[in-house]
Amino acid sequence: MMAAGVRPLTDRPTWQALRRHYDEMRNVHSFDQWGVELGKVLAQRIVPELESAGEPALRHDGSTNALIRRYRRQRLGSGSVT
């Protein structure tokens, strides 16, 4: 189930919720070291796109791209969150 709003990624519970979301989507379990390493790789790709000053070229699945765009709109304060 997807939450209605996107929260800033500045607190531990938000990061944990995001990780659980990806774990469920990719059927990766936290006790699985390969899954932990995959999460690190994904985070290294996504965090710069979240923090980028310009509009990044997104090459993820549609859901991830939409969440990145939504977060960026909220962060920039445009208010046009859908």
N, C-alpha and C. Protein backbone atom coordinates (compact mmCIF):
# COMPACT_ATOMS: atom_id res chain seq x y z
N MET A 1 0.84 -1.17 0.00
CA MET A 1 0.00 0.00 0.00
C MET A 1 0.89 1.24 0.00
N MET A 2 0.62 2.18 -0.88
CA MET A 2 1.43 3.39 -1.02
C MET A 2 0.83 4.50 -0.17
N ALA A 3 1.65 5.20 0.57
CA ALA A 3 1.20 6.33 1.37
C ALA A 3 0.78 7.47 0.47
N ALA A 4 -0.17 8.27 0.93
CA ALA A 4 -0.71 9.37 0.12
C ALA A 4 0.31 10.48 -0.05
N GLY A 5 1.17 10.70 0.92
CA GLY A 5 2.13 11.79 0.84
C GLY A 5 3.56 11.27 0.81
N VAL A 6 4.44 12.10 0.34
CA VAL A 6 5.85 11.75 0.33
C VAL A 6 6.52 12.58 1.40
N ARG A 7 7.21 11.91 2.31
CA ARG A 7 7.89 12.61 3.40
C ARG A 7 9.34 12.87 3.02
N PRO A 8 9.91 13.93 3.59
CA PRO A 8 11.34 14.18 3.34
C PRO A 8 12.17 12.99 3.82
N LEU A 9 13.24 12.70 3.10
CA LEU A 9 14.08 11.55 3.44
C LEU A 9 15.17 11.95 4.43
N THR A 10 14.76 12.61 5.50
CA THR A 10 15.73 13.08 6.48
C THR A 10 15.65 12.34 7.80
N ASP A 11 14.64 11.49 7.96
CA ASP A 11 14.52 10.78 9.23
C ASP A 11 14.61 9.28 9.03
N ARG A 12 15.06 8.60 10.05
CA ARG A 12 15.29 7.15 9.98
C ARG A 12 14.02 6.36 9.63
N PRO A 13 12.85 6.67 10.23
CA PRO A 13 11.65 5.90 9.88
C PRO A 13 11.29 5.99 8.40
N THR A 14 11.54 7.13 7.78
CA THR A 14 11.24 7.28 6.36
C THR A 14 12.17 6.40 5.53
N TRP A 15 13.46 6.41 5.85
CA TRP A 15 14.41 5.55 5.13
C TRP A 15 14.04 4.08 5.31
N GLN A 16 13.65 3.71 6.53
CA GLN A 16 13.27 2.32 6.79
C GLN A 16 12.04 1.92 5.99
N ALA A 17 11.06 2.82 5.91
CA ALA A 17 9.86 2.54 5.13
C ALA A 17 10.19 2.40 3.66
N LEU A 18 11.07 3.26 3.15
CA LEU A 18 11.47 3.17 1.75
C LEU A 18 12.19 1.85 1.49
N ARG A 19 13.03 1.45 2.39
CA ARG A 19 13.75 0.19 2.22
C ARG A 19 12.79 -0.99 2.23
N ARG A 20 11.82 -0.97 3.16
CA ARG A 20 10.82 -2.05 3.20
C ARG A 20 10.05 -2.11 1.89
N HIS A 21 9.72 -0.95 1.34
CA HIS A 21 9.01 -0.88 0.06
C HIS A 21 9.82 -1.57 -1.04
N TYR A 22 11.09 -1.25 -1.15
CA TYR A 22 11.93 -1.87 -2.17
C TYR A 22 12.14 -3.36 -1.89
N ASP A 23 12.27 -3.72 -0.62
CA ASP A 23 12.42 -5.14 -0.27
C ASP A 23 11.21 -5.93 -0.75
N GLU A 24 10.02 -5.37 -0.51
CA GLU A 24 8.80 -6.06 -0.92
C GLU A 24 8.68 -6.13 -2.44
N MET A 25 9.01 -5.02 -3.11
CA MET A 25 8.90 -4.99 -4.58
C MET A 25 9.86 -5.98 -5.23
N ARG A 26 11.04 -6.12 -4.68
CA ARG A 26 12.07 -6.93 -5.31
C ARG A 26 12.24 -8.30 -4.63
N ASN A 27 11.35 -8.58 -3.64
CA ASN A 27 11.40 -9.84 -2.92
C ASN A 27 12.79 -10.07 -2.32
N VAL A 28 13.34 -9.01 -1.71
CA VAL A 28 14.65 -9.06 -1.07
C VAL A 28 14.42 -9.00 0.44
N HIS A 29 15.12 -9.82 1.19
CA HIS A 29 14.96 -9.86 2.63
C HIS A 29 16.18 -9.26 3.31
N SER A 30 15.95 -8.54 4.41
CA SER A 30 17.03 -7.81 5.06
C SER A 30 18.15 -8.72 5.55
N PHE A 31 17.85 -9.99 5.81
CA PHE A 31 18.90 -10.90 6.26
C PHE A 31 19.76 -11.40 5.12
N ASP A 32 19.39 -11.05 3.91
CA ASP A 32 20.09 -11.49 2.70
C ASP A 32 21.17 -10.47 2.35
N GLN A 33 22.43 -10.83 2.49
CA GLN A 33 23.51 -9.88 2.24
C GLN A 33 23.49 -9.34 0.82
N TRP A 34 23.13 -10.17 -0.16
CA TRP A 34 23.04 -9.70 -1.53
C TRP A 34 22.01 -8.58 -1.63
N GLY A 35 20.91 -8.73 -0.90
CA GLY A 35 19.88 -7.69 -0.90
C GLY A 35 20.37 -6.39 -0.28
N VAL A 36 21.17 -6.50 0.75
CA VAL A 36 21.75 -5.31 1.39
C VAL A 36 22.65 -4.58 0.39
N GLU A 37 23.48 -5.34 -0.30
CA GLU A 37 24.37 -4.73 -1.29
C GLU A 37 23.58 -4.10 -2.43
N LEU A 38 22.49 -4.74 -2.87
CA LEU A 38 21.64 -4.16 -3.91
C LEU A 38 21.04 -2.84 -3.44
N GLY A 39 20.60 -2.80 -2.19
CA GLY A 39 20.05 -1.57 -1.64
C GLY A 39 21.05 -0.43 -1.64
N LYS A 40 22.30 -0.74 -1.35
CA LYS A 40 23.36 0.28 -1.37
C LYS A 40 23.57 0.82 -2.79
N VAL A 41 23.55 -0.07 -3.76
CA VAL A 41 23.73 0.34 -5.16
C VAL A 41 22.56 1.22 -5.59
N LEU A 42 21.35 0.80 -5.26
CA LEU A 42 20.17 1.60 -5.63
C LEU A 42 20.21 2.97 -4.98
N ALA A 43 20.58 3.02 -3.70
CA ALA A 43 20.65 4.30 -3.00
C ALA A 43 21.69 5.22 -3.62
N GLN A 44 22.83 4.66 -4.03
CA GLN A 44 23.87 5.48 -4.65
C GLN A 44 23.39 6.09 -5.96
N ARG A 45 22.48 5.42 -6.64
CA ARG A 45 21.93 5.96 -7.88
C ARG A 45 20.83 6.97 -7.63
N ILE A 46 20.02 6.74 -6.61
CA ILE A 46 18.83 7.55 -6.38
C ILE A 46 19.12 8.84 -5.62
N VAL A 47 19.96 8.79 -4.59
CA VAL A 47 20.20 9.98 -3.76
C VAL A 47 20.68 11.17 -4.58
N PRO A 48 21.64 11.03 -5.50
CA PRO A 48 22.05 12.19 -6.30
C PRO A 48 20.89 12.75 -7.14
N GLU A 49 19.99 11.90 -7.59
CA GLU A 49 18.84 12.36 -8.36
C GLU A 49 17.86 13.13 -7.48
N LEU A 50 17.78 12.76 -6.21
CA LEU A 50 16.92 13.48 -5.28
C LEU A 50 17.49 14.85 -4.96
N GLU A 51 18.81 14.94 -4.90
CA GLU A 51 19.48 16.18 -4.47
C GLU A 51 19.94 17.07 -5.62
N SER A 52 19.83 16.61 -6.84
CA SER A 52 20.32 17.34 -8.00
C SER A 52 19.63 18.71 -8.15
N ALA A 53 20.41 19.73 -8.52
CA ALA A 53 19.85 21.06 -8.74
C ALA A 53 19.01 21.09 -10.02
N GLY A 54 19.45 20.39 -11.05
CA GLY A 54 18.71 20.33 -12.30
C GLY A 54 17.85 19.09 -12.37
N GLU A 55 17.03 19.02 -13.39
CA GLU A 55 16.17 17.84 -13.58
C GLU A 55 17.01 16.67 -14.08
N PRO A 56 17.12 15.60 -13.29
CA PRO A 56 17.95 14.47 -13.70
C PRO A 56 17.24 13.60 -14.73
N ALA A 57 18.00 12.91 -15.54
CA ALA A 57 17.46 11.92 -16.47
C ALA A 57 17.22 10.64 -15.66
N LEU A 58 15.96 10.28 -15.46
CA LEU A 58 15.62 9.13 -14.64
C LEU A 58 15.49 7.88 -15.49
N ARG A 59 16.15 6.82 -15.04
CA ARG A 59 16.15 5.56 -15.79
C ARG A 59 15.76 4.38 -14.92
N HIS A 60 14.84 4.63 -13.99
CA HIS A 60 14.37 3.56 -13.09
C HIS A 60 13.02 3.06 -13.61
N ASP A 61 12.41 2.17 -12.84
CA ASP A 61 11.06 1.74 -13.19
C ASP A 61 10.10 2.92 -12.98
N GLY A 62 8.93 2.83 -13.55
CA GLY A 62 7.98 3.95 -13.52
C GLY A 62 7.62 4.42 -12.13
N SER A 63 7.44 3.48 -11.20
CA SER A 63 7.07 3.83 -9.83
C SER A 63 8.18 4.63 -9.15
N THR A 64 9.42 4.19 -9.30
CA THR A 64 10.55 4.89 -8.69
C THR A 64 10.72 6.27 -9.30
N ASN A 65 10.61 6.37 -10.62
CA ASN A 65 10.71 7.67 -11.30
C ASN A 65 9.63 8.62 -10.78
N ALA A 66 8.40 8.13 -10.64
CA ALA A 66 7.30 8.97 -10.17
C ALA A 66 7.56 9.45 -8.74
N LEU A 67 8.07 8.58 -7.88
CA LEU A 67 8.36 8.98 -6.50
C LEU A 67 9.48 10.00 -6.45
N ILE A 68 10.51 9.84 -7.28
CA ILE A 68 11.60 10.81 -7.31
C ILE A 68 11.07 12.17 -7.77
N ARG A 69 10.28 12.18 -8.83
CA ARG A 69 9.71 13.45 -9.33
C ARG A 69 8.83 14.09 -8.27
N ARG A 70 8.02 13.30 -7.62
CA ARG A 70 7.11 13.83 -6.59
C ARG A 70 7.91 14.42 -5.42
N TYR A 71 8.91 13.71 -4.98
CA TYR A 71 9.75 14.22 -3.89
C TYR A 71 10.41 15.54 -4.28
N ARG A 72 10.93 15.59 -5.51
CA ARG A 72 11.62 16.80 -5.97
C ARG A 72 10.64 17.98 -6.05
N ARG A 73 9.42 17.74 -6.51
CA ARG A 73 8.42 18.82 -6.57
C ARG A 73 8.11 19.32 -5.16
N GLN A 74 7.95 18.40 -4.23
CA GLN A 74 7.68 18.80 -2.84
C GLN A 74 8.85 19.57 -2.25
N ARG A 75 10.05 19.07 -2.49
CA ARG A 75 11.25 19.72 -1.95
C ARG A 75 11.43 21.12 -2.50
N LEU A 76 11.11 21.28 -3.78
CA LEU A 76 11.26 22.59 -4.41
C LEU A 76 10.09 23.50 -4.12
N GLY A 77 9.03 22.96 -3.47
CA GLY A 77 7.93 23.79 -3.03
C GLY A 77 6.98 24.23 -4.13
N SER A 78 6.90 23.49 -5.23
CA SER A 78 6.00 23.90 -6.31
C SER A 78 4.55 23.63 -5.95
N GLY A 79 4.32 22.70 -5.02
CA GLY A 79 2.96 22.42 -4.59
C GLY A 79 2.13 21.61 -5.56
N SER A 80 2.69 21.22 -6.69
CA SER A 80 1.93 20.49 -7.70
C SER A 80 2.12 18.99 -7.54
N VAL A 81 1.95 18.50 -6.32
CA VAL A 81 2.14 17.08 -6.06
C VAL A 81 0.87 16.35 -6.43
N THR A 82 1.00 15.32 -7.26
CA THR A 82 -0.18 14.55 -7.67
C THR A 82 -0.18 13.19 -7.05
